[in-house]
Protein backbone atom coordinates (compact mmCIF):
# COMPACT_ATOMS: atom_id res chain seq x y z
CA UNK A 1 -202.26 204.84 -44.53
CA UNK A 2 -200.68 206.41 -48.74
CA UNK A 3 -201.82 203.79 -51.08
CA UNK A 4 -201.20 204.11 -54.45
CA UNK A 5 -203.72 202.91 -57.51
CA UNK A 6 -203.25 202.64 -61.36
CA UNK A 7 -206.28 202.56 -63.07
CA UNK A 8 -208.04 202.50 -66.78
CA UNK A 9 -210.93 202.48 -68.06
CA UNK A 10 -212.11 201.12 -71.56
CA UNK A 11 -215.44 201.38 -72.93
CA UNK A 12 -217.61 201.36 -76.09
CA UNK A 13 -220.49 202.30 -77.33
CA UNK A 14 -222.32 201.41 -81.09
CA UNK A 15 -224.02 204.75 -81.69
CA UNK A 16 -227.91 204.01 -83.49
CA UNK A 17 -228.44 207.05 -83.99
CA UNK A 18 -227.32 211.33 -83.26
CA UNK A 19 -226.43 210.56 -79.25
CA UNK A 20 -225.57 213.63 -76.28
CA UNK A 21 -223.38 212.03 -73.11
CA UNK A 22 -222.58 212.64 -70.27
CA UNK A 23 -219.57 210.57 -68.55
CA UNK A 24 -218.97 210.61 -65.19
CA UNK A 25 -215.83 208.52 -64.60
CA UNK A 26 -212.40 210.55 -63.39
CA UNK A 27 -211.34 210.33 -60.14
CA UNK A 28 -212.23 213.34 -57.86
CA UNK A 29 -210.23 215.86 -56.96
CA UNK A 30 -211.96 216.09 -53.39
CA UNK A 31 -211.07 214.70 -50.24
CA UNK A 32 -208.42 212.57 -48.53
CA UNK A 33 -207.32 211.60 -52.66
CA UNK A 34 -204.98 213.47 -55.25
CA UNK A 35 -204.45 212.77 -58.52
CA UNK A 36 -201.10 212.29 -59.20
CA UNK A 37 -201.53 212.30 -63.26
CA UNK A 38 -204.21 211.37 -65.48
CA UNK A 39 -205.61 210.46 -69.49
CA UNK A 40 -208.33 210.62 -71.20
CA UNK A 41 -208.88 209.61 -75.28
CA UNK A 42 -211.46 209.32 -77.45
CA UNK A 43 -212.93 208.08 -80.66
CA UNK A 44 -213.13 209.73 -82.93
CA UNK A 45 -211.83 213.02 -82.20
CA UNK A 46 -214.77 215.19 -81.66
CA UNK A 47 -215.45 218.72 -79.17
CA UNK A 48 -215.40 217.55 -75.56
CA UNK A 49 -217.11 220.03 -72.12
CA UNK A 50 -216.63 219.43 -68.82
CA UNK A 51 -217.20 220.73 -65.85
CA UNK A 52 -217.50 220.09 -62.29
CA UNK A 53 -220.75 219.53 -59.66
CA UNK A 54 -219.88 222.31 -57.23
CA UNK A 55 -221.44 220.53 -54.24
CA UNK A 56 -219.49 216.68 -54.71
CA UNK A 57 -217.31 217.32 -57.12
CA UNK A 58 -218.21 214.79 -59.62
CA UNK A 59 -216.94 215.44 -62.49
CA UNK A 60 -218.21 215.85 -66.20
CA UNK A 61 -217.58 215.63 -69.52
CA UNK A 62 -220.14 215.84 -71.82
CA UNK A 63 -219.80 214.95 -76.26
CA UNK A 64 -222.43 214.72 -79.27
CA UNK A 65 -221.85 211.83 -81.12
CA UNK A 66 -223.21 210.09 -84.60
CA UNK A 67 -223.91 206.92 -85.96
CA UNK A 68 -221.16 204.36 -85.54
CA UNK A 69 -218.51 203.56 -82.89
CA UNK A 70 -217.37 205.80 -79.98
CA UNK A 71 -214.51 204.75 -77.45
CA UNK A 72 -213.75 206.12 -74.37
CA UNK A 73 -210.73 205.27 -72.85
CA UNK A 74 -209.50 207.11 -69.05
CA UNK A 75 -206.20 206.04 -67.43
CA UNK A 76 -205.23 207.71 -63.52
CA UNK A 77 -202.79 207.33 -60.65
CA UNK A 78 -204.37 208.37 -57.39
CA UNK A 79 -202.64 208.95 -54.02
CA UNK A 80 -205.15 207.63 -51.54
CA UNK A 81 -204.51 208.20 -47.68
CA UNK A 82 -208.17 207.62 -46.59
CA UNK A 83 -207.44 205.90 -43.62
CA UNK A 84 -209.55 203.23 -41.24
CA UNK A 85 -212.16 204.64 -39.02
CA UNK A 86 -212.64 205.16 -35.50
CA UNK A 87 -214.96 202.55 -34.32
CA UNK A 88 -215.72 205.03 -31.65
CA UNK A 89 -217.29 207.41 -33.99
CA UNK A 90 -220.94 208.90 -32.79
CA UNK A 91 -223.95 209.34 -34.04
CA UNK A 92 -225.01 213.68 -34.91
CA UNK A 93 -228.35 215.04 -33.31
CA UNK A 94 -230.34 217.07 -36.07
CA UNK A 95 -229.99 220.19 -34.54
CA UNK A 96 -225.89 219.76 -34.70
CA UNK A 97 -225.76 218.82 -38.49
CA UNK A 98 -224.27 221.39 -40.61
CA UNK A 99 -226.76 222.29 -43.64
CA UNK A 100 -225.02 220.56 -46.55
CA UNK A 101 -225.73 217.36 -44.63
CA UNK A 102 -229.21 217.72 -43.15
CA UNK A 103 -229.61 216.77 -46.90
CA UNK A 104 -228.56 213.39 -46.88
CA UNK A 105 -231.36 212.40 -43.93
CA UNK A 106 -234.63 212.78 -46.69
CA UNK A 107 -235.81 210.17 -49.37
CA UNK A 108 -234.81 209.95 -52.43
CA UNK A 109 -235.60 208.21 -55.83
CA UNK A 110 -233.61 204.36 -54.45
CA UNK A 111 -233.81 205.01 -50.84
CA UNK A 112 -236.92 205.28 -50.05
CA UNK A 113 -236.34 205.82 -46.12
CA UNK A 114 -239.93 207.09 -45.21
CA UNK A 115 -241.26 203.47 -46.85
CA UNK A 116 -238.62 201.74 -44.76
CA UNK A 117 -238.20 203.33 -41.61
CA UNK A 118 -240.58 200.50 -39.77
CA UNK A 119 -238.09 198.18 -40.85
CA UNK A 120 -235.19 199.89 -39.91
CA UNK A 121 -236.46 200.37 -36.54
CA UNK A 122 -237.96 196.52 -35.87
CA UNK A 123 -234.03 195.64 -37.48
CA UNK A 124 -231.86 198.04 -35.68
CA UNK A 125 -233.55 200.16 -33.21
CA UNK A 126 -232.05 198.61 -30.48
CA UNK A 127 -228.50 198.51 -31.69
CA UNK A 128 -226.03 200.85 -29.66
CA UNK A 129 -225.53 204.38 -31.38
CA UNK A 130 -222.88 205.33 -33.62
CA UNK A 131 -220.43 203.39 -35.75
CA UNK A 132 -221.16 200.20 -34.02
CA UNK A 133 -225.02 200.39 -35.42
CA UNK A 134 -223.70 201.22 -39.01
CA UNK A 135 -221.55 198.19 -38.54
CA UNK A 136 -223.99 196.18 -37.70
CA UNK A 137 -226.84 197.24 -40.89
CA UNK A 138 -223.86 196.15 -42.95
CA UNK A 139 -223.50 192.71 -41.66
CA UNK A 140 -227.27 192.15 -41.62
CA UNK A 141 -226.96 193.05 -45.55
CA UNK A 142 -224.45 191.08 -45.77
CA UNK A 143 -225.83 187.97 -43.92
CA UNK A 144 -229.11 188.18 -45.28
CA UNK A 145 -229.26 189.47 -48.86
CA UNK A 146 -227.52 187.17 -51.73
CA UNK A 147 -225.01 188.79 -53.96
CA UNK A 148 -226.05 187.54 -56.93
CA UNK A 149 -225.51 189.01 -61.13
CA UNK A 150 -228.87 189.40 -62.83
CA UNK A 151 -230.89 190.75 -59.99
CA UNK A 152 -230.89 193.86 -60.56
CA UNK A 153 -231.61 196.51 -63.03
CA UNK A 154 -231.49 200.34 -63.43
CA UNK A 155 -234.95 201.00 -61.72
CA UNK A 156 -234.43 199.13 -59.08
CA UNK A 157 -234.75 200.64 -55.63
CA UNK A 158 -234.05 200.12 -52.02
CA UNK A 159 -237.07 198.44 -51.73
CA UNK A 160 -237.52 196.24 -53.70
CA UNK A 161 -233.91 194.54 -53.04
CA UNK A 162 -235.72 194.15 -49.09
CA UNK A 163 -238.37 192.07 -50.86
CA UNK A 164 -236.55 189.89 -53.48
CA UNK A 165 -233.36 189.64 -50.89
CA UNK A 166 -230.93 189.53 -53.63
CA UNK A 167 -228.12 192.44 -55.52
CA UNK A 168 -225.17 193.74 -56.47
CA UNK A 169 -222.96 196.10 -54.77
CA UNK A 170 -225.30 198.85 -55.72
CA UNK A 171 -227.91 197.23 -54.41
CA UNK A 172 -226.37 196.86 -51.30
CA UNK A 173 -225.69 200.51 -50.88
CA UNK A 174 -228.73 201.83 -51.13
CA UNK A 175 -230.45 200.14 -49.01
CA UNK A 176 -227.58 200.15 -46.49
CA UNK A 177 -228.47 204.13 -46.52
CA UNK A 178 -231.97 203.86 -46.50
CA UNK A 179 -231.74 202.31 -43.89
CA UNK A 180 -229.30 204.79 -41.95
CA UNK A 181 -231.88 207.71 -43.20
CA UNK A 182 -234.69 206.14 -41.84
CA UNK A 183 -232.57 205.73 -38.27
CA UNK A 184 -231.56 209.76 -38.73
CA UNK A 185 -228.39 208.94 -39.53
CA UNK A 186 -226.81 211.04 -42.93
CA UNK A 187 -225.98 209.37 -45.58
CA UNK A 188 -224.76 209.03 -49.18
CA UNK A 189 -223.64 206.59 -51.88
CA UNK A 190 -219.71 206.56 -53.34
CA UNK A 191 -219.08 204.99 -56.69
CA UNK A 192 -215.86 204.51 -57.77
CA UNK A 193 -212.69 202.07 -58.70
CA UNK A 194 -211.48 199.67 -56.76
CA UNK A 195 -209.57 196.00 -57.18
CA UNK A 196 -211.01 193.26 -56.33
CA UNK A 197 -211.12 189.12 -57.13
CA UNK A 198 -214.80 188.70 -57.93
CA UNK A 199 -217.29 189.16 -59.72
CA UNK A 200 -214.94 190.79 -63.05
CA UNK A 201 -214.05 194.78 -62.65
CA UNK A 202 -216.62 197.18 -62.49
CA UNK A 203 -217.33 200.51 -60.86
CA UNK A 204 -218.17 199.87 -57.14
CA UNK A 205 -220.10 201.49 -55.14
CA UNK A 206 -220.05 201.95 -52.04
CA UNK A 207 -221.96 204.39 -48.76
CA UNK A 208 -220.56 207.30 -46.31
CA UNK A 209 -222.44 207.82 -42.92
CA UNK A 210 -221.88 210.78 -41.15
CA UNK A 211 -220.82 210.03 -37.96
CA UNK A 212 -218.48 211.90 -35.63
CA UNK A 213 -219.22 215.24 -38.23
CA UNK A 214 -217.04 213.93 -40.44
CA UNK A 215 -217.79 211.48 -43.38
CA UNK A 216 -217.36 207.28 -43.16
CA UNK A 217 -216.94 204.86 -46.00
CA UNK A 218 -218.27 201.62 -45.48
CA UNK A 219 -218.45 198.77 -47.97
CA UNK A 220 -221.27 195.89 -47.11
CA UNK A 221 -220.01 194.16 -50.11
CA UNK A 222 -217.07 193.59 -48.20
CA UNK A 223 -215.76 192.42 -51.35
CA UNK A 224 -212.54 195.18 -50.98
CA UNK A 225 -211.26 197.39 -47.74
CA UNK A 226 -213.32 200.66 -47.99
CA UNK A 227 -210.14 202.70 -47.42
CA UNK A 228 -208.93 201.70 -50.90
CA UNK A 229 -211.60 203.00 -52.94
CA UNK A 230 -210.99 205.32 -54.99
CA UNK A 231 -213.63 207.97 -55.37
CA UNK A 232 -215.39 209.00 -58.79
CA UNK A 233 -219.32 209.71 -57.56
CA UNK A 234 -220.56 210.84 -54.56
CA UNK A 235 -224.87 211.74 -54.20
CA UNK A 236 -227.96 210.61 -52.54
CA UNK A 237 -228.12 207.87 -54.87
CA UNK A 238 -227.33 206.18 -58.42
CA UNK A 239 -229.68 208.83 -60.29
CA UNK A 240 -227.09 211.08 -58.93
CA UNK A 241 -223.90 209.34 -59.96
CA UNK A 242 -224.34 207.33 -63.58
CA UNK A 243 -221.21 206.93 -64.78
CA UNK A 244 -222.94 207.43 -68.58
CA UNK A 245 -225.81 208.76 -69.28
CA UNK A 246 -226.87 208.84 -72.83
CA UNK A 247 -229.69 210.69 -74.50
CA UNK A 248 -230.39 209.29 -77.95
CA UNK A 249 -230.09 205.68 -79.19
CA UNK A 250 -227.08 203.24 -78.43
CA UNK A 251 -226.06 200.11 -77.14
CA UNK A 252 -222.77 199.78 -75.05
CA UNK A 253 -220.47 197.13 -76.83
CA UNK A 254 -217.68 196.70 -74.48
CA UNK A 255 -216.39 197.89 -70.63
CA UNK A 256 -213.27 197.18 -68.87
CA UNK A 257 -211.69 198.14 -65.93
CA UNK A 258 -208.61 197.26 -64.87
CA UNK A 259 -207.09 198.37 -61.05
CA UNK A 260 -203.81 197.84 -59.33
CA UNK A 261 -203.26 198.78 -55.82
CA UNK A 262 -199.81 198.41 -55.98
CA UNK A 263 -198.95 201.71 -58.02
CA UNK A 264 -198.07 199.40 -61.05
CA UNK A 265 -199.58 200.49 -64.58
CA UNK A 266 -202.61 198.68 -66.23
CA UNK A 267 -202.42 195.85 -68.42
CA UNK A 268 -202.48 196.29 -72.07
CA UNK A 269 -206.10 195.89 -72.92
CA UNK A 270 -206.60 192.54 -74.18
CA UNK A 271 -209.34 193.72 -76.40
CA UNK A 272 -207.48 196.92 -78.07
CA UNK A 273 -208.73 199.28 -79.91
CA UNK A 274 -207.22 200.50 -83.59
CA UNK A 275 -208.61 204.36 -84.13
CA UNK A 276 -207.35 207.32 -84.78
CA UNK A 277 -207.83 209.43 -81.00
CA UNK A 278 -207.82 212.41 -79.57
CA UNK A 279 -206.04 212.75 -76.62
CA UNK A 280 -207.17 215.19 -74.05
CA UNK A 281 -204.44 215.30 -70.60
CA UNK A 282 -206.09 217.54 -68.50
CA UNK A 283 -203.97 219.59 -65.78
């Protein structure tokens, strides 16, 4: 299946003191998606440094901001050829796992699979292995964790979500990753863009599990088809995939994301920002 996605991401920050920014909002060039065209607009016109993570393909750009306002706009059209997964995919023995995959079995800051091992074994230890077990983990999370905006923050971990029984897409993905790793299934976080009706458009978090010798994407929220997600960041957890990291005194004053899966361009920004801009066209 081939899908063309048009997207626009608008971000605005009020800078209170000299600040260094590192953004990860550009579509990845890796895997089953291809960038047809894209543009990045920064206001005011400042020097931008771009680099790509050689391990996961995450694309970053960095810039320095002075007190005032910083406005970022990213537009792109993406061709996505991700297929629906084969439900017969099996789990891989640890002995046969590739070296670069083994890393995703280990606990990480937000996914304490060592602490959650007992719970994972109790809930899913007897579920048939393979795609069916990972799918069962997603079903359990949807049935037992309430999707509620404002119930978590930047420091909420999978264990916190398990105890408080509420969270958002990032929390659902972290908990699923934690359960998978505790069952010796490598898993990693994927963040990106996808269209869904509710809640309002935002960066969306899903996860991938290593099954049948390949990474397979799942969305525990079931808000959108996993095969429609435009990949931006991939990593162990949210620490590796934050869309913006700021080193200074900053307040986000505006964010607006539009995603169209029919290939049509995004609508005009309902809250346009008037400013002189520097446009960076990327090959």
